[in-house]
Amino acid sequence: ALIGRKGETVHEVQRLTGCDVAISKKDPNEAADAHRTVSITGPLVAVYAAHMLLMRHYNDEEAQFQAATQGGAGSARTIEDLERQVAELSQVLNQVRGGPAAGGAWVPARRSR
């Protein structure tokens, strides 16, 4: 579920960060849950942001799956931990970029050509 329907998650991450995100093709003989390679190319801070966004999406999907299959036991704590980690990473990105954006949220830089 990392790619999203018709690649919507990957396209959104690329749009927000300006990075190129490539996910290896699935071999027809592989199991549905086989590992695939994700390559993120771009400026270092943007690559970190793209990775963070992809991991947040993955962890959100995983938490929803766990809640559906296990009745949500322990998932609220996991979600809180992940949200805390995302906030910490956003602060680091803001510091690297020269200060916090409005409301303390990370705002991706525009890609110069």
C-alpha atoms as a PDB file:
ATOM      1  CA  ALA A   1       0.000   0.000   0.000  1.00  0.00           C
ATOM      2  CA  LEU A   2       3.062   2.259  -0.070  1.00  0.00           C
ATOM      3  CA  ILE A   3       2.602   3.162  -3.731  1.00  0.00           C
ATOM      4  CA  GLY A   4      -1.066   4.068  -3.380  1.00  0.00           C
ATOM      5  CA  ARG A   5      -3.865   3.614  -5.840  1.00  0.00           C
ATOM      6  CA  LYS A   6      -2.492   4.292  -9.335  1.00  0.00           C
ATOM      7  CA  GLY A   7       0.687   5.625  -7.709  1.00  0.00           C
ATOM      8  CA  GLU A   8      -1.098   8.488  -5.937  1.00  0.00           C
ATOM      9  CA  THR A   9       1.048   8.308  -2.788  1.00  0.00           C
ATOM     10  CA  VAL A  10       4.307   8.327  -4.743  1.00  0.00           C
ATOM     11  CA  HIS A  11       3.090  11.182  -6.968  1.00  0.00           C
ATOM     12  CA  GLU A  12       2.052  13.241  -3.930  1.00  0.00           C
ATOM     13  CA  VAL A  13       5.437  12.744  -2.237  1.00  0.00           C
ATOM     14  CA  GLN A  14       7.215  13.725  -5.455  1.00  0.00           C
ATOM     15  CA  ARG A  15       5.037  16.834  -5.778  1.00  0.00           C
ATOM     16  CA  LEU A  16       5.599  17.906  -2.158  1.00  0.00           C
ATOM     17  CA  THR A  17       9.342  17.314  -2.044  1.00  0.00           C
ATOM     18  CA  GLY A  18      10.555  17.694  -5.620  1.00  0.00           C
ATOM     19  CA  CYS A  19      12.313  14.321  -5.352  1.00  0.00           C
ATOM     20  CA  ASP A  20      12.140  11.466  -7.806  1.00  0.00           C
ATOM     21  CA  VAL A  21      10.756   8.324  -6.154  1.00  0.00           C
ATOM     22  CA  ALA A  22      11.136   4.960  -7.887  1.00  0.00           C
ATOM     23  CA  ILE A  23       9.903   1.625  -6.586  1.00  0.00           C
ATOM     24  CA  SER A  24      11.200  -1.579  -8.160  1.00  0.00           C
ATOM     25  CA  LYS A  25       8.766  -3.626 -10.211  1.00  0.00           C
ATOM     26  CA  LYS A  26       7.194  -6.693  -8.687  1.00  0.00           C
ATOM     27  CA  ASP A  27       8.302  -9.981 -10.184  1.00  0.00           C
ATOM     28  CA  PRO A  28       5.246 -12.011 -11.296  1.00  0.00           C
ATOM     29  CA  ASN A  29       6.548 -15.030  -9.338  1.00  0.00           C
ATOM     30  CA  GLU A  30       6.989 -13.118  -6.059  1.00  0.00           C
ATOM     31  CA  ALA A  31       4.619 -13.326  -3.143  1.00  0.00           C
ATOM     32  CA  ALA A  32       2.282 -10.377  -2.571  1.00  0.00           C
ATOM     33  CA  ASP A  33       4.274  -9.279   0.495  1.00  0.00           C
ATOM     34  CA  ALA A  34       7.741  -9.536  -1.127  1.00  0.00           C
ATOM     35  CA  HIS A  35      10.245  -6.753  -0.426  1.00  0.00           C
ATOM     36  CA  ARG A  36      10.849  -4.126  -3.097  1.00  0.00           C
ATOM     37  CA  THR A  37      13.530  -1.469  -3.462  1.00  0.00           C
ATOM     38  CA  VAL A  38      12.619   2.219  -3.076  1.00  0.00           C
ATOM     39  CA  SER A  39      15.005   4.805  -4.556  1.00  0.00           C
ATOM     40  CA  ILE A  40      14.658   8.496  -3.668  1.00  0.00           C
ATOM     41  CA  THR A  41      16.735  11.013  -5.615  1.00  0.00           C
ATOM     42  CA  GLY A  42      17.046  14.747  -4.954  1.00  0.00           C
ATOM     43  CA  PRO A  43      18.572  17.286  -2.566  1.00  0.00           C
ATOM     44  CA  LEU A  44      19.500  15.689   0.776  1.00  0.00           C
ATOM     45  CA  VAL A  45      16.906  17.473   2.925  1.00  0.00           C
ATOM     46  CA  ALA A  46      14.194  16.785   0.340  1.00  0.00           C
ATOM     47  CA  VAL A  47      15.195  13.105   0.272  1.00  0.00           C
ATOM     48  CA  TYR A  48      14.805  12.962   4.061  1.00  0.00           C
ATOM     49  CA  ALA A  49      11.404  14.631   3.759  1.00  0.00           C
ATOM     50  CA  ALA A  50      10.289  12.185   1.049  1.00  0.00           C
ATOM     51  CA  HIS A  51      11.454   9.256   3.170  1.00  0.00           C
ATOM     52  CA  MET A  52       9.599  10.644   6.188  1.00  0.00           C
ATOM     53  CA  LEU A  53       6.376  11.083   4.183  1.00  0.00           C
ATOM     54  CA  LEU A  54       6.594   7.583   2.715  1.00  0.00           C
ATOM     55  CA  MET A  55       7.274   6.053   6.130  1.00  0.00           C
ATOM     56  CA  ARG A  56       4.421   8.023   7.690  1.00  0.00           C
ATOM     57  CA  HIS A  57       2.068   6.708   4.995  1.00  0.00           C
ATOM     58  CA  TYR A  58       3.361   3.163   5.436  1.00  0.00           C
ATOM     59  CA  ASN A  59       3.031   3.305   9.228  1.00  0.00           C
ATOM     60  CA  ASP A  60      -0.467   4.819   9.013  1.00  0.00           C
ATOM     61  CA  GLU A  61      -1.538   2.001   6.679  1.00  0.00           C
ATOM     62  CA  GLU A  62       0.096  -0.599   8.934  1.00  0.00           C
ATOM     63  CA  ALA A  63      -1.644   0.846  12.021  1.00  0.00           C
ATOM     64  CA  GLN A  64      -5.008   0.714  10.245  1.00  0.00           C
ATOM     65  CA  PHE A  65      -4.351  -2.875   9.218  1.00  0.00           C
ATOM     66  CA  GLN A  66      -3.330  -3.841  12.767  1.00  0.00           C
ATOM     67  CA  ALA A  67      -6.382  -2.105  14.227  1.00  0.00           C
ATOM     68  CA  ALA A  68      -8.651  -3.963  11.819  1.00  0.00           C
ATOM     69  CA  THR A  69      -7.083  -7.355  12.470  1.00  0.00           C
ATOM     70  CA  GLN A  70      -6.382  -7.057  16.212  1.00  0.00           C
ATOM     71  CA  GLY A  71      -9.096  -4.722  17.368  1.00  0.00           C
ATOM     72  CA  GLY A  72      -6.633  -1.838  17.782  1.00  0.00           C
ATOM     73  CA  ALA A  73      -4.879  -3.168  20.878  1.00  0.00           C
ATOM     74  CA  GLY A  74      -1.772  -1.079  21.400  1.00  0.00           C
ATOM     75  CA  SER A  75      -2.141   0.800  18.116  1.00  0.00           C
ATOM     76  CA  ALA A  76      -2.979   4.146  19.784  1.00  0.00           C
ATOM     77  CA  ARG A  77       0.399   4.148  21.553  1.00  0.00           C
ATOM     78  CA  THR A  78       2.196   3.247  18.335  1.00  0.00           C
ATOM     79  CA  ILE A  79       0.443   6.052  16.475  1.00  0.00           C
ATOM     80  CA  GLU A  80       1.362   8.519  19.235  1.00  0.00           C
ATOM     81  CA  ASP A  81       5.004   7.412  19.038  1.00  0.00           C
ATOM     82  CA  LEU A  82       5.046   7.777  15.267  1.00  0.00           C
ATOM     83  CA  GLU A  83       3.400  11.206  15.428  1.00  0.00           C
ATOM     84  CA  ARG A  84       6.036  12.291  17.953  1.00  0.00           C
ATOM     85  CA  GLN A  85       8.800  11.020  15.665  1.00  0.00           C
ATOM     86  CA  VAL A  86       7.305  12.878  12.684  1.00  0.00           C
ATOM     87  CA  ALA A  87       7.142  16.087  14.742  1.00  0.00           C
ATOM     88  CA  GLU A  88      10.783  15.684  15.807  1.00  0.00           C
ATOM     89  CA  LEU A  89      11.901  15.070  12.214  1.00  0.00           C
ATOM     90  CA  SER A  90       9.910  18.103  11.060  1.00  0.00           C
ATOM     91  CA  GLN A  91      11.699  20.247  13.647  1.00  0.00           C
ATOM     92  CA  VAL A  92      15.086  19.012  12.460  1.00  0.00           C
ATOM     93  CA  LEU A  93      14.161  19.710   8.847  1.00  0.00           C
ATOM     94  CA  ASN A  94      12.997  23.208   9.778  1.00  0.00           C
ATOM     95  CA  GLN A  95      16.255  23.892  11.599  1.00  0.00           C
ATOM     96  CA  VAL A  96      18.267  22.705   8.605  1.00  0.00           C
ATOM     97  CA  ARG A  97      16.188  24.904   6.304  1.00  0.00           C
ATOM     98  CA  GLY A  98      16.698  27.972   8.493  1.00  0.00           C
ATOM     99  CA  GLY A  99      13.806  28.103  10.919  1.00  0.00           C
ATOM    100  CA  PRO A 100      10.231  26.916  11.424  1.00  0.00           C
ATOM    101  CA  ALA A 101       7.502  27.555   8.875  1.00  0.00           C
ATOM    102  CA  ALA A 102       4.136  28.994   9.838  1.00  0.00           C
ATOM    103  CA  GLY A 103       2.556  26.862  12.543  1.00  0.00           C
ATOM    104  CA  GLY A 104       5.748  24.860  13.005  1.00  0.00           C
ATOM    105  CA  ALA A 105       4.997  22.614  10.031  1.00  0.00           C
ATOM    106  CA  TRP A 106       7.615  21.692   7.485  1.00  0.00           C
ATOM    107  CA  VAL A 107       7.129  23.326   4.097  1.00  0.00           C
ATOM    108  CA  PRO A 108       9.131  21.850   1.208  1.00  0.00           C
ATOM    109  CA  ALA A 109      11.406  24.151  -0.764  1.00  0.00           C
ATOM    110  CA  ARG A 110      10.632  24.818  -4.369  1.00  0.00           C
ATOM    111  CA  ARG A 111      12.900  22.988  -6.726  1.00  0.00           C
ATOM    112  CA  SER A 112      15.165  25.335  -8.659  1.00  0.00           C
ATOM    113  CA  ARG A 113      15.985  24.570 -12.272  1.00  0.00           C
END
